[in-house]
């Protein structure tokens, strides 16, 4: 059976959706609101840039977009770590999202190595 071409698109979409569903649970205070704004942008940008990479016009453009995907996955992990430190009651759920953002970062690093 041939693997689906867009599995990573679906995975990054799921990451963005899971991120948004998680953010709905956080208490509404100034720091969570500001951290969530940053996180929602970076978590959605991972998949959006991957879609752009798949539609790229050149290898150079593809690699540039994949670098952005990796950067946004790293940034997502950063915001999650801040939220974990300030919302200990959600530690388990945040750890799952941190693991996924880290795995996505590693996938994009691997794609870059193979594309260079």
PDB file of N, CA and C in Angstrom:
ATOM      1  N   UNK A   1       0.834  -1.184   0.000  1.00  0.00           N
ATOM      2  CA  UNK A   1       0.000   0.000   0.000  1.00  0.00           C
ATOM      3  C   UNK A   1       0.879   1.248   0.000  1.00  0.00           C
ATOM      4  N   UNK A   2       0.594   2.163  -0.892  1.00  0.00           N
ATOM      5  CA  UNK A   2       1.388   3.374  -1.027  1.00  0.00           C
ATOM      6  C   UNK A   2       1.031   4.370   0.083  1.00  0.00           C
ATOM      7  N   UNK A   3       2.055   4.967   0.742  1.00  0.00           N
ATOM      8  CA  UNK A   3       1.740   5.955   1.780  1.00  0.00           C
ATOM      9  C   UNK A   3       1.080   7.190   1.177  1.00  0.00           C
ATOM     10  N   UNK A   4       0.187   7.801   1.957  1.00  0.00           N
ATOM     11  CA  UNK A   4      -0.488   8.992   1.471  1.00  0.00           C
ATOM     12  C   UNK A   4       0.508  10.140   1.354  1.00  0.00           C
ATOM     13  N   UNK A   5       0.402  10.888   0.284  1.00  0.00           N
ATOM     14  CA  UNK A   5       1.330  11.979   0.025  1.00  0.00           C
ATOM     15  C   UNK A   5       1.193  13.089   1.061  1.00  0.00           C
ATOM     16  N   UNK A   6       0.006  13.322   1.563  1.00  0.00           N
ATOM     17  CA  UNK A   6      -0.233  14.481   2.404  1.00  0.00           C
ATOM     18  C   UNK A   6      -0.386  14.147   3.889  1.00  0.00           C
ATOM     19  N   UNK A   7       0.163  13.019   4.333  1.00  0.00           N
ATOM     20  CA  UNK A   7       0.080  12.676   5.751  1.00  0.00           C
ATOM     21  C   UNK A   7       0.623  13.781   6.654  1.00  0.00           C
ATOM     22  N   UNK A   8       1.713  14.402   6.244  1.00  0.00           N
ATOM     23  CA  UNK A   8       2.304  15.445   7.064  1.00  0.00           C
ATOM     24  C   UNK A   8       1.424  16.699   7.067  1.00  0.00           C
ATOM     25  N   UNK A   9       0.741  16.971   5.970  1.00  0.00           N
ATOM     26  CA  UNK A   9      -0.227  18.075   5.957  1.00  0.00           C
ATOM     27  C   UNK A   9      -1.331  17.800   6.969  1.00  0.00           C
ATOM     28  N   UNK A  10      -1.819  16.588   6.996  1.00  0.00           N
ATOM     29  CA  UNK A  10      -2.878  16.223   7.949  1.00  0.00           C
ATOM     30  C   UNK A  10      -2.360  16.283   9.384  1.00  0.00           C
ATOM     31  N   UNK A  11      -1.142  15.849   9.589  1.00  0.00           N
ATOM     32  CA  UNK A  11      -0.564  15.850  10.933  1.00  0.00           C
ATOM     33  C   UNK A  11      -0.373  17.280  11.441  1.00  0.00           C
ATOM     34  N   UNK A  12       0.109  18.172  10.577  1.00  0.00           N
ATOM     35  CA  UNK A  12       0.291  19.558  11.006  1.00  0.00           C
ATOM     36  C   UNK A  12      -1.058  20.244  11.231  1.00  0.00           C
ATOM     37  N   UNK A  13      -2.059  19.868  10.455  1.00  0.00           N
ATOM     38  CA  UNK A  13      -3.410  20.395  10.666  1.00  0.00           C
ATOM     39  C   UNK A  13      -3.939  19.935  12.022  1.00  0.00           C
ATOM     40  N   UNK A  14      -3.747  18.665  12.330  1.00  0.00           N
ATOM     41  CA  UNK A  14      -4.194  18.130  13.622  1.00  0.00           C
ATOM     42  C   UNK A  14      -3.483  18.838  14.778  1.00  0.00           C
ATOM     43  N   UNK A  15      -2.199  19.113  14.611  1.00  0.00           N
ATOM     44  CA  UNK A  15      -1.441  19.829  15.643  1.00  0.00           C
ATOM     45  C   UNK A  15      -2.040  21.217  15.887  1.00  0.00           C
ATOM     46  N   UNK A  16      -2.361  21.923  14.815  1.00  0.00           N
ATOM     47  CA  UNK A  16      -2.954  23.260  14.954  1.00  0.00           C
ATOM     48  C   UNK A  16      -4.325  23.186  15.625  1.00  0.00           C
ATOM     49  N   UNK A  17      -5.124  22.214  15.246  1.00  0.00           N
ATOM     50  CA  UNK A  17      -6.462  22.070  15.836  1.00  0.00           C
ATOM     51  C   UNK A  17      -6.358  21.667  17.309  1.00  0.00           C
ATOM     52  N   UNK A  18      -5.518  20.676  17.598  1.00  0.00           N
ATOM     53  CA  UNK A  18      -5.326  20.252  18.997  1.00  0.00           C
ATOM     54  C   UNK A  18      -4.832  21.419  19.854  1.00  0.00           C
ATOM     55  N   UNK A  19      -3.978  22.250  19.280  1.00  0.00           N
ATOM     56  CA  UNK A  19      -3.460  23.420  19.987  1.00  0.00           C
ATOM     57  C   UNK A  19      -4.589  24.373  20.348  1.00  0.00           C
ATOM     58  N   UNK A  20      -5.468  24.630  19.407  1.00  0.00           N
ATOM     59  CA  UNK A  20      -6.577  25.547  19.647  1.00  0.00           C
ATOM     60  C   UNK A  20      -7.577  24.984  20.657  1.00  0.00           C
ATOM     61  N   UNK A  21      -7.826  23.693  20.568  1.00  0.00           N
ATOM     62  CA  UNK A  21      -8.734  23.064  21.536  1.00  0.00           C
ATOM     63  C   UNK A  21      -8.148  23.128  22.950  1.00  0.00           C
ATOM     64  N   UNK A  22      -6.837  22.948  23.051  1.00  0.00           N
ATOM     65  CA  UNK A  22      -6.186  23.057  24.352  1.00  0.00           C
ATOM     66  C   UNK A  22      -6.290  24.480  24.898  1.00  0.00           C
ATOM     67  N   UNK A  23      -6.032  25.466  24.070  1.00  0.00           N
ATOM     68  CA  UNK A  23      -6.029  26.856  24.535  1.00  0.00           C
ATOM     69  C   UNK A  23      -7.373  27.289  25.105  1.00  0.00           C
ATOM     70  N   UNK A  24      -8.453  26.676  24.623  1.00  0.00           N
ATOM     71  CA  UNK A  24      -9.784  27.002  25.148  1.00  0.00           C
ATOM     72  C   UNK A  24      -9.916  26.650  26.627  1.00  0.00           C
ATOM     73  N   UNK A  25      -9.102  25.715  27.106  1.00  0.00           N
ATOM     74  CA  UNK A  25      -9.189  25.238  28.489  1.00  0.00           C
ATOM     75  C   UNK A  25      -8.415  26.112  29.479  1.00  0.00           C
ATOM     76  N   UNK A  26      -7.477  26.896  28.974  1.00  0.00           N
ATOM     77  CA  UNK A  26      -6.636  27.694  29.866  1.00  0.00           C
ATOM     78  C   UNK A  26      -7.429  28.798  30.553  1.00  0.00           C
ATOM     79  N   UNK A  27      -7.074  29.098  31.809  1.00  0.00           N
ATOM     80  CA  UNK A  27      -7.706  30.237  32.481  1.00  0.00           C
ATOM     81  C   UNK A  27      -7.394  31.527  31.710  1.00  0.00           C
ATOM     82  N   UNK A  28      -8.362  32.410  31.666  1.00  0.00           N
ATOM     83  CA  UNK A  28      -8.171  33.666  30.952  1.00  0.00           C
ATOM     84  C   UNK A  28      -7.544  34.695  31.887  1.00  0.00           C
ATOM     85  N   UNK A  29      -6.238  34.856  31.751  1.00  0.00           N
ATOM     86  CA  UNK A  29      -5.526  35.918  32.458  1.00  0.00           C
ATOM     87  C   UNK A  29      -4.559  36.556  31.465  1.00  0.00           C
ATOM     88  N   UNK A  30      -3.977  37.656  31.846  1.00  0.00           N
ATOM     89  CA  UNK A  30      -3.168  38.429  30.895  1.00  0.00           C
ATOM     90  C   UNK A  30      -2.043  37.594  30.278  1.00  0.00           C
ATOM     91  N   UNK A  31      -1.298  36.871  31.094  1.00  0.00           N
ATOM     92  CA  UNK A  31      -0.168  36.120  30.545  1.00  0.00           C
ATOM     93  C   UNK A  31      -0.631  34.984  29.637  1.00  0.00           C
ATOM     94  N   UNK A  32      -1.665  34.251  30.038  1.00  0.00           N
ATOM     95  CA  UNK A  32      -2.156  33.167  29.179  1.00  0.00           C
ATOM     96  C   UNK A  32      -2.696  33.709  27.862  1.00  0.00           C
ATOM     97  N   UNK A  33      -3.392  34.823  27.898  1.00  0.00           N
ATOM     98  CA  UNK A  33      -3.941  35.402  26.666  1.00  0.00           C
ATOM     99  C   UNK A  33      -2.810  35.788  25.717  1.00  0.00           C
ATOM    100  N   UNK A  34      -1.793  36.455  26.239  1.00  0.00           N
ATOM    101  CA  UNK A  34      -0.675  36.882  25.384  1.00  0.00           C
ATOM    102  C   UNK A  34       0.146  35.691  24.882  1.00  0.00           C
ATOM    103  N   UNK A  35       0.416  34.730  25.751  1.00  0.00           N
ATOM    104  CA  UNK A  35       1.155  33.532  25.331  1.00  0.00           C
ATOM    105  C   UNK A  35       0.356  32.750  24.287  1.00  0.00           C
ATOM    106  N   UNK A  36      -0.951  32.657  24.501  1.00  0.00           N
ATOM    107  CA  UNK A  36      -1.818  31.923  23.576  1.00  0.00           C
ATOM    108  C   UNK A  36      -1.831  32.573  22.200  1.00  0.00           C
ATOM    109  N   UNK A  37      -1.826  33.906  22.153  1.00  0.00           N
ATOM    110  CA  UNK A  37      -1.800  34.602  20.858  1.00  0.00           C
ATOM    111  C   UNK A  37      -0.555  34.221  20.060  1.00  0.00           C
ATOM    112  N   UNK A  38       0.577  34.201  20.750  1.00  0.00           N
ATOM    113  CA  UNK A  38       1.828  33.833  20.083  1.00  0.00           C
ATOM    114  C   UNK A  38       1.802  32.364  19.651  1.00  0.00           C
ATOM    115  N   UNK A  39       1.329  31.515  20.541  1.00  0.00           N
ATOM    116  CA  UNK A  39       1.306  30.076  20.265  1.00  0.00           C
ATOM    117  C   UNK A  39       0.349  29.722  19.139  1.00  0.00           C
ATOM    118  N   UNK A  40      -0.809  30.359  19.117  1.00  0.00           N
ATOM    119  CA  UNK A  40      -1.785  30.025  18.078  1.00  0.00           C
ATOM    120  C   UNK A  40      -1.218  30.381  16.698  1.00  0.00           C
ATOM    121  N   UNK A  41      -0.452  31.458  16.625  1.00  0.00           N
ATOM    122  CA  UNK A  41       0.169  31.838  15.343  1.00  0.00           C
ATOM    123  C   UNK A  41       1.230  30.821  14.921  1.00  0.00           C
ATOM    124  N   UNK A  42       2.122  30.489  15.846  1.00  0.00           N
ATOM    125  CA  UNK A  42       3.216  29.581  15.470  1.00  0.00           C
ATOM    126  C   UNK A  42       2.706  28.175  15.176  1.00  0.00           C
ATOM    127  N   UNK A  43       1.740  27.694  15.953  1.00  0.00           N
ATOM    128  CA  UNK A  43       1.243  26.325  15.728  1.00  0.00           C
ATOM    129  C   UNK A  43       0.513  26.209  14.392  1.00  0.00           C
ATOM    130  N   UNK A  44      -0.191  27.238  13.985  1.00  0.00           N
ATOM    131  CA  UNK A  44      -0.869  27.217  12.686  1.00  0.00           C
ATOM    132  C   UNK A  44       0.083  27.435  11.528  1.00  0.00           C
ATOM    133  N   UNK A  45       1.132  28.189  11.785  1.00  0.00           N
ATOM    134  CA  UNK A  45       2.109  28.497  10.735  1.00  0.00           C
ATOM    135  C   UNK A  45       2.897  27.272  10.293  1.00  0.00           C
ATOM    136  N   UNK A  46       3.050  26.295  11.175  1.00  0.00           N
ATOM    137  CA  UNK A  46       3.783  25.068  10.818  1.00  0.00           C
ATOM    138  C   UNK A  46       3.128  24.435   9.590  1.00  0.00           C
ATOM    139  N   UNK A  47       1.839  24.168   9.673  1.00  0.00           N
ATOM    140  CA  UNK A  47       1.134  23.518   8.576  1.00  0.00           C
ATOM    141  C   UNK A  47       0.943  24.406   7.361  1.00  0.00           C
ATOM    142  N   UNK A  48       0.675  25.682   7.597  1.00  0.00           N
ATOM    143  CA  UNK A  48       0.474  26.611   6.480  1.00  0.00           C
ATOM    144  C   UNK A  48       1.737  26.693   5.623  1.00  0.00           C
ATOM    145  N   UNK A  49       2.879  26.742   6.272  1.00  0.00           N
ATOM    146  CA  UNK A  49       4.130  26.808   5.518  1.00  0.00           C
ATOM    147  C   UNK A  49       4.472  25.481   4.860  1.00  0.00           C
ATOM    148  N   UNK A  50       4.045  24.380   5.460  1.00  0.00           N
ATOM    149  CA  UNK A  50       4.270  23.085   4.813  1.00  0.00           C
ATOM    150  C   UNK A  50       3.449  22.982   3.524  1.00  0.00           C
ATOM    151  N   UNK A  51       2.225  23.474   3.557  1.00  0.00           N
ATOM    152  CA  UNK A  51       1.404  23.491   2.340  1.00  0.00           C
ATOM    153  C   UNK A  51       2.090  24.351   1.277  1.00  0.00           C
ATOM    154  N   UNK A  52       2.608  25.502   1.689  1.00  0.00           N
ATOM    155  CA  UNK A  52       3.333  26.370   0.752  1.00  0.00           C
ATOM    156  C   UNK A  52       4.563  25.654   0.193  1.00  0.00           C
ATOM    157  N   UNK A  53       5.262  24.905   1.034  1.00  0.00           N
ATOM    158  CA  UNK A  53       6.445  24.171   0.567  1.00  0.00           C
ATOM    159  C   UNK A  53       6.060  23.165  -0.510  1.00  0.00           C
ATOM    160  N   UNK A  54       4.931  22.495  -0.312  1.00  0.00           N
ATOM    161  CA  UNK A  54       4.487  21.512  -1.298  1.00  0.00           C
ATOM    162  C   UNK A  54       4.085  22.146  -2.623  1.00  0.00           C
ATOM    163  N   UNK A  55       3.816  23.436  -2.611  1.00  0.00           N
ATOM    164  CA  UNK A  55       3.450  24.156  -3.833  1.00  0.00           C
ATOM    165  C   UNK A  55       4.594  25.039  -4.336  1.00  0.00           C
ATOM    166  N   UNK A  56       5.787  24.831  -3.813  1.00  0.00           N
ATOM    167  CA  UNK A  56       6.912  25.703  -4.145  1.00  0.00           C
ATOM    168  C   UNK A  56       7.307  25.584  -5.608  1.00  0.00           C
ATOM    169  N   UNK A  57       7.951  26.641  -6.084  1.00  0.00           N
ATOM    170  CA  UNK A  57       8.353  26.715  -7.488  1.00  0.00           C
ATOM    171  C   UNK A  57       9.765  26.194  -7.728  1.00  0.00           C
ATOM    172  N   UNK A  58      10.550  26.084  -6.674  1.00  0.00           N
ATOM    173  CA  UNK A  58      11.931  25.647  -6.839  1.00  0.00           C
ATOM    174  C   UNK A  58      12.378  24.906  -5.582  1.00  0.00           C
ATOM    175  N   UNK A  59      13.507  24.224  -5.716  1.00  0.00           N
ATOM    176  CA  UNK A  59      14.082  23.520  -4.571  1.00  0.00           C
ATOM    177  C   UNK A  59      14.479  24.512  -3.482  1.00  0.00           C
ATOM    178  N   UNK A  60      15.016  25.668  -3.901  1.00  0.00           N
ATOM    179  CA  UNK A  60      15.416  26.705  -2.947  1.00  0.00           C
ATOM    180  C   UNK A  60      14.205  27.206  -2.164  1.00  0.00           C
ATOM    181  N   UNK A  61      13.103  27.448  -2.857  1.00  0.00           N
ATOM    182  CA  UNK A  61      11.865  27.903  -2.207  1.00  0.00           C
ATOM    183  C   UNK A  61      11.338  26.829  -1.262  1.00  0.00           C
ATOM    184  N   UNK A  62      11.386  25.574  -1.707  1.00  0.00           N
ATOM    185  CA  UNK A  62      10.949  24.455  -0.869  1.00  0.00           C
ATOM    186  C   UNK A  62      11.745  24.423   0.428  1.00  0.00           C
ATOM    187  N   UNK A  63      13.066  24.475   0.323  1.00  0.00           N
ATOM    188  CA  UNK A  63      13.924  24.418   1.515  1.00  0.00           C
ATOM    189  C   UNK A  63      13.668  25.606   2.439  1.00  0.00           C
ATOM    190  N   UNK A  64      13.459  26.786   1.868  1.00  0.00           N
ATOM    191  CA  UNK A  64      13.157  27.975   2.663  1.00  0.00           C
ATOM    192  C   UNK A  64      11.877  27.764   3.468  1.00  0.00           C
ATOM    193  N   UNK A  65      10.837  27.245   2.825  1.00  0.00           N
ATOM    194  CA  UNK A  65       9.555  27.017   3.518  1.00  0.00           C
ATOM    195  C   UNK A  65       9.691  25.956   4.610  1.00  0.00           C
ATOM    196  N   UNK A  66      10.450  24.915   4.335  1.00  0.00           N
ATOM    197  CA  UNK A  66      10.659  23.858   5.327  1.00  0.00           C
ATOM    198  C   UNK A  66      11.421  24.418   6.536  1.00  0.00           C
ATOM    199  N   UNK A  67      12.367  25.316   6.292  1.00  0.00           N
ATOM    200  CA  UNK A  67      13.077  25.968   7.402  1.00  0.00           C
ATOM    201  C   UNK A  67      12.106  26.772   8.258  1.00  0.00           C
ATOM    202  N   UNK A  68      11.151  27.435   7.626  1.00  0.00           N
ATOM    203  CA  UNK A  68      10.144  28.177   8.377  1.00  0.00           C
ATOM    204  C   UNK A  68       9.282  27.215   9.192  1.00  0.00           C
ATOM    205  N   UNK A  69       8.910  26.082   8.599  1.00  0.00           N
ATOM    206  CA  UNK A  69       8.136  25.075   9.344  1.00  0.00           C
ATOM    207  C   UNK A  69       8.884  24.650  10.595  1.00  0.00           C
ATOM    208  N   UNK A  70      10.161  24.365  10.444  1.00  0.00           N
ATOM    209  CA  UNK A  70      10.980  23.938  11.573  1.00  0.00           C
ATOM    210  C   UNK A  70      11.066  25.041  12.630  1.00  0.00           C
ATOM    211  N   UNK A  71      11.265  26.271  12.180  1.00  0.00           N
ATOM    212  CA  UNK A  71      11.354  27.413  13.091  1.00  0.00           C
ATOM    213  C   UNK A  71      10.054  27.596  13.872  1.00  0.00           C
ATOM    214  N   UNK A  72       8.927  27.471  13.187  1.00  0.00           N
ATOM    215  CA  UNK A  72       7.626  27.649  13.843  1.00  0.00           C
ATOM    216  C   UNK A  72       7.334  26.513  14.819  1.00  0.00           C
ATOM    217  N   UNK A  73       7.779  25.309  14.509  1.00  0.00           N
ATOM    218  CA  UNK A  73       7.615  24.181  15.441  1.00  0.00           C
ATOM    219  C   UNK A  73       8.447  24.421  16.702  1.00  0.00           C
ATOM    220  N   UNK A  74       9.666  24.950  16.519  1.00  0.00           N
ATOM    221  CA  UNK A  74      10.513  25.275  17.674  1.00  0.00           C
ATOM    222  C   UNK A  74       9.879  26.379  18.506  1.00  0.00           C
ATOM    223  N   UNK A  75       9.325  27.391  17.843  1.00  0.00           N
ATOM    224  CA  UNK A  75       8.680  28.481  18.562  1.00  0.00           C
ATOM    225  C   UNK A  75       7.453  27.978  19.327  1.00  0.00           C
ATOM    226  N   UNK A  76       6.701  27.091  18.709  1.00  0.00           N
ATOM    227  CA  UNK A  76       5.529  26.513  19.393  1.00  0.00           C
ATOM    228  C   UNK A  76       5.954  25.825  20.681  1.00  0.00           C
ATOM    229  N   UNK A  77       7.036  25.093  20.608  1.00  0.00           N
ATOM    230  CA  UNK A  77       7.558  24.397  21.789  1.00  0.00           C
ATOM    231  C   UNK A  77       7.939  25.405  22.878  1.00  0.00           C
ATOM    232  N   UNK A  78       8.525  26.511  22.502  1.00  0.00           N
ATOM    233  CA  UNK A  78       8.909  27.557  23.448  1.00  0.00           C
ATOM    234  C   UNK A  78       7.694  28.082  24.205  1.00  0.00           C
ATOM    235  N   UNK A  79       6.626  28.437  23.467  1.00  0.00           N
ATOM    236  CA  UNK A  79       5.428  28.982  24.118  1.00  0.00           C
ATOM    237  C   UNK A  79       4.754  27.927  24.996  1.00  0.00           C
ATOM    238  N   UNK A  80       4.778  26.684  24.546  1.00  0.00           N
ATOM    239  CA  UNK A  80       4.204  25.614  25.360  1.00  0.00           C
ATOM    240  C   UNK A  80       4.949  25.445  26.684  1.00  0.00           C
ATOM    241  N   UNK A  81       6.260  25.556  26.642  1.00  0.00           N
ATOM    242  CA  UNK A  81       7.049  25.421  27.868  1.00  0.00           C
ATOM    243  C   UNK A  81       6.735  26.547  28.849  1.00  0.00           C
ATOM    244  N   UNK A  82       6.526  27.737  28.333  1.00  0.00           N
ATOM    245  CA  UNK A  82       6.131  28.851  29.201  1.00  0.00           C
ATOM    246  C   UNK A  82       4.765  28.564  29.816  1.00  0.00           C
ATOM    247  N   UNK A  83       3.829  28.121  28.996  1.00  0.00           N
ATOM    248  CA  UNK A  83       2.479  27.838  29.507  1.00  0.00           C
ATOM    249  C   UNK A  83       2.488  26.678  30.500  1.00  0.00           C
ATOM    250  N   UNK A  84       3.344  25.700  30.272  1.00  0.00           N
ATOM    251  CA  UNK A  84       3.446  24.577  31.209  1.00  0.00           C
ATOM    252  C   UNK A  84       3.954  25.058  32.571  1.00  0.00           C
ATOM    253  N   UNK A  85       4.936  25.946  32.551  1.00  0.00           N
ATOM    254  CA  UNK A  85       5.508  26.447  33.808  1.00  0.00           C
ATOM    255  C   UNK A  85       4.520  27.300  34.595  1.00  0.00           C
ATOM    256  N   UNK A  86       3.564  27.891  33.903  1.00  0.00           N
ATOM    257  CA  UNK A  86       2.632  28.800  34.575  1.00  0.00           C
ATOM    258  C   UNK A  86       1.225  28.220  34.722  1.00  0.00           C
ATOM    259  N   UNK A  87       1.023  27.006  34.239  1.00  0.00           N
ATOM    260  CA  UNK A  87      -0.283  26.325  34.324  1.00  0.00           C
ATOM    261  C   UNK A  87      -0.053  24.857  34.642  1.00  0.00           C
ATOM    262  N   UNK A  88       0.460  24.592  35.822  1.00  0.00           N
ATOM    263  CA  UNK A  88       0.880  23.233  36.186  1.00  0.00           C
ATOM    264  C   UNK A  88      -0.243  22.207  36.109  1.00  0.00           C
ATOM    265  N   UNK A  89      -1.471  22.632  36.251  1.00  0.00           N
ATOM    266  CA  UNK A  89      -2.590  21.690  36.206  1.00  0.00           C
ATOM    267  C   UNK A  89      -2.792  21.091  34.806  1.00  0.00           C
ATOM    268  N   UNK A  90      -2.151  21.689  33.798  1.00  0.00           N
ATOM    269  CA  UNK A  90      -2.268  21.189  32.428  1.00  0.00           C
ATOM    270  C   UNK A  90      -0.974  20.540  31.934  1.00  0.00           C
ATOM    271  N   UNK A  91      -0.079  20.206  32.866  1.00  0.00           N
ATOM    272  CA  UNK A  91       1.242  19.704  32.495  1.00  0.00           C
ATOM    273  C   UNK A  91       1.193  18.499  31.551  1.00  0.00           C
ATOM    274  N   UNK A  92       0.347  17.535  31.834  1.00  0.00           N
ATOM    275  CA  UNK A  92       0.281  16.321  31.008  1.00  0.00           C
ATOM    276  C   UNK A  92      -0.149  16.652  29.583  1.00  0.00           C
ATOM    277  N   UNK A  93      -1.189  17.447  29.459  1.00  0.00           N
ATOM    278  CA  UNK A  93      -1.690  17.808  28.133  1.00  0.00           C
ATOM    279  C   UNK A  93      -0.673  18.643  27.354  1.00  0.00           C
ATOM    280  N   UNK A  94      -0.008  19.543  28.045  1.00  0.00           N
ATOM    281  CA  UNK A  94       1.011  20.378  27.389  1.00  0.00           C
ATOM    282  C   UNK A  94       2.197  19.522  26.967  1.00  0.00           C
ATOM    283  N   UNK A  95       2.577  18.548  27.786  1.00  0.00           N
ATOM    284  CA  UNK A  95       3.699  17.671  27.426  1.00  0.00           C
ATOM    285  C   UNK A  95       3.430  16.918  26.125  1.00  0.00           C
ATOM    286  N   UNK A  96       2.190  16.525  25.908  1.00  0.00           N
ATOM    287  CA  UNK A  96       1.827  15.835  24.662  1.00  0.00           C
ATOM    288  C   UNK A  96       2.021  16.774  23.470  1.00  0.00           C
ATOM    289  N   UNK A  97       1.605  18.025  23.619  1.00  0.00           N
ATOM    290  CA  UNK A  97       1.778  19.008  22.542  1.00  0.00           C
ATOM    291  C   UNK A  97       3.258  19.338  22.330  1.00  0.00           C
ATOM    292  N   UNK A  98       4.022  19.407  23.411  1.00  0.00           N
ATOM    293  CA  UNK A  98       5.470  19.650  23.289  1.00  0.00           C
ATOM    294  C   UNK A  98       6.122  18.503  22.523  1.00  0.00           C
ATOM    295  N   UNK A  99       5.730  17.279  22.846  1.00  0.00           N
ATOM    296  CA  UNK A  99       6.297  16.116  22.153  1.00  0.00           C
ATOM    297  C   UNK A  99       5.976  16.184  20.659  1.00  0.00           C
ATOM    298  N   UNK A 100       4.743  16.547  20.316  1.00  0.00           N
ATOM    299  CA  UNK A 100       4.365  16.625  18.904  1.00  0.00           C
ATOM    300  C   UNK A 100       5.128  17.740  18.197  1.00  0.00           C
ATOM    301  N   UNK A 101       5.263  18.892  18.831  1.00  0.00           N
ATOM    302  CA  UNK A 101       6.002  19.985  18.178  1.00  0.00           C
ATOM    303  C   UNK A 101       7.469  19.599  17.996  1.00  0.00           C
ATOM    304  N   UNK A 102       8.026  18.880  18.958  1.00  0.00           N
ATOM    305  CA  UNK A 102       9.410  18.423  18.836  1.00  0.00           C
ATOM    306  C   UNK A 102       9.559  17.387  17.720  1.00  0.00           C
ATOM    307  N   UNK A 103       8.600  16.475  17.615  1.00  0.00           N
ATOM    308  CA  UNK A 103       8.647  15.486  16.534  1.00  0.00           C
ATOM    309  C   UNK A 103       8.514  16.163  15.169  1.00  0.00           C
ATOM    310  N   UNK A 104       7.638  17.150  15.075  1.00  0.00           N
ATOM    311  CA  UNK A 104       7.494  17.885  13.809  1.00  0.00           C
ATOM    312  C   UNK A 104       8.805  18.589  13.457  1.00  0.00           C
ATOM    313  N   UNK A 105       9.433  19.196  14.458  1.00  0.00           N
ATOM    314  CA  UNK A 105      10.720  19.869  14.229  1.00  0.00           C
ATOM    315  C   UNK A 105      11.742  18.876  13.676  1.00  0.00           C
ATOM    316  N   UNK A 106      11.799  17.684  14.247  1.00  0.00           N
ATOM    317  CA  UNK A 106      12.742  16.665  13.785  1.00  0.00           C
ATOM    318  C   UNK A 106      12.416  16.192  12.369  1.00  0.00           C
ATOM    319  N   UNK A 107      11.136  16.068  12.062  1.00  0.00           N
ATOM    320  CA  UNK A 107      10.724  15.667  10.709  1.00  0.00           C
ATOM    321  C   UNK A 107      11.184  16.703   9.696  1.00  0.00           C
ATOM    322  N   UNK A 108      10.958  17.980  10.013  1.00  0.00           N
ATOM    323  CA  UNK A 108      11.363  19.042   9.076  1.00  0.00           C
ATOM    324  C   UNK A 108      12.880  19.120   8.952  1.00  0.00           C
ATOM    325  N   UNK A 109      13.600  18.858  10.029  1.00  0.00           N
ATOM    326  CA  UNK A 109      15.069  18.816   9.958  1.00  0.00           C
ATOM    327  C   UNK A 109      15.514  17.700   9.027  1.00  0.00           C
ATOM    328  N   UNK A 110      14.861  16.556   9.127  1.00  0.00           N
ATOM    329  CA  UNK A 110      15.194  15.421   8.277  1.00  0.00           C
ATOM    330  C   UNK A 110      14.883  15.718   6.804  1.00  0.00           C
ATOM    331  N   UNK A 111      13.758  16.351   6.554  1.00  0.00           N
ATOM    332  CA  UNK A 111      13.397  16.736   5.184  1.00  0.00           C
ATOM    333  C   UNK A 111      14.455  17.670   4.624  1.00  0.00           C
ATOM    334  N   UNK A 112      14.908  18.626   5.429  1.00  0.00           N
ATOM    335  CA  UNK A 112      15.931  19.564   4.986  1.00  0.00           C
ATOM    336  C   UNK A 112      17.237  18.858   4.652  1.00  0.00           C
ATOM    337  N   UNK A 113      17.650  17.921   5.505  1.00  0.00           N
ATOM    338  CA  UNK A 113      18.892  17.185   5.259  1.00  0.00           C
ATOM    339  C   UNK A 113      18.817  16.432   3.931  1.00  0.00           C
ATOM    340  N   UNK A 114      17.673  15.824   3.649  1.00  0.00           N
ATOM    341  CA  UNK A 114      17.518  15.042   2.431  1.00  0.00           C
ATOM    342  C   UNK A 114      17.356  15.916   1.191  1.00  0.00           C
ATOM    343  N   UNK A 115      16.938  17.159   1.392  1.00  0.00           N
ATOM    344  CA  UNK A 115      16.696  18.056   0.268  1.00  0.00           C
ATOM    345  C   UNK A 115      17.917  18.878  -0.109  1.00  0.00           C
ATOM    346  N   UNK A 116      18.878  18.934   0.799  1.00  0.00           N
ATOM    347  CA  UNK A 116      20.073  19.790   0.551  1.00  0.00           C
ATOM    348  C   UNK A 116      21.103  19.105  -0.282  1.00  0.00           C
TER     349      UNK A 116
END
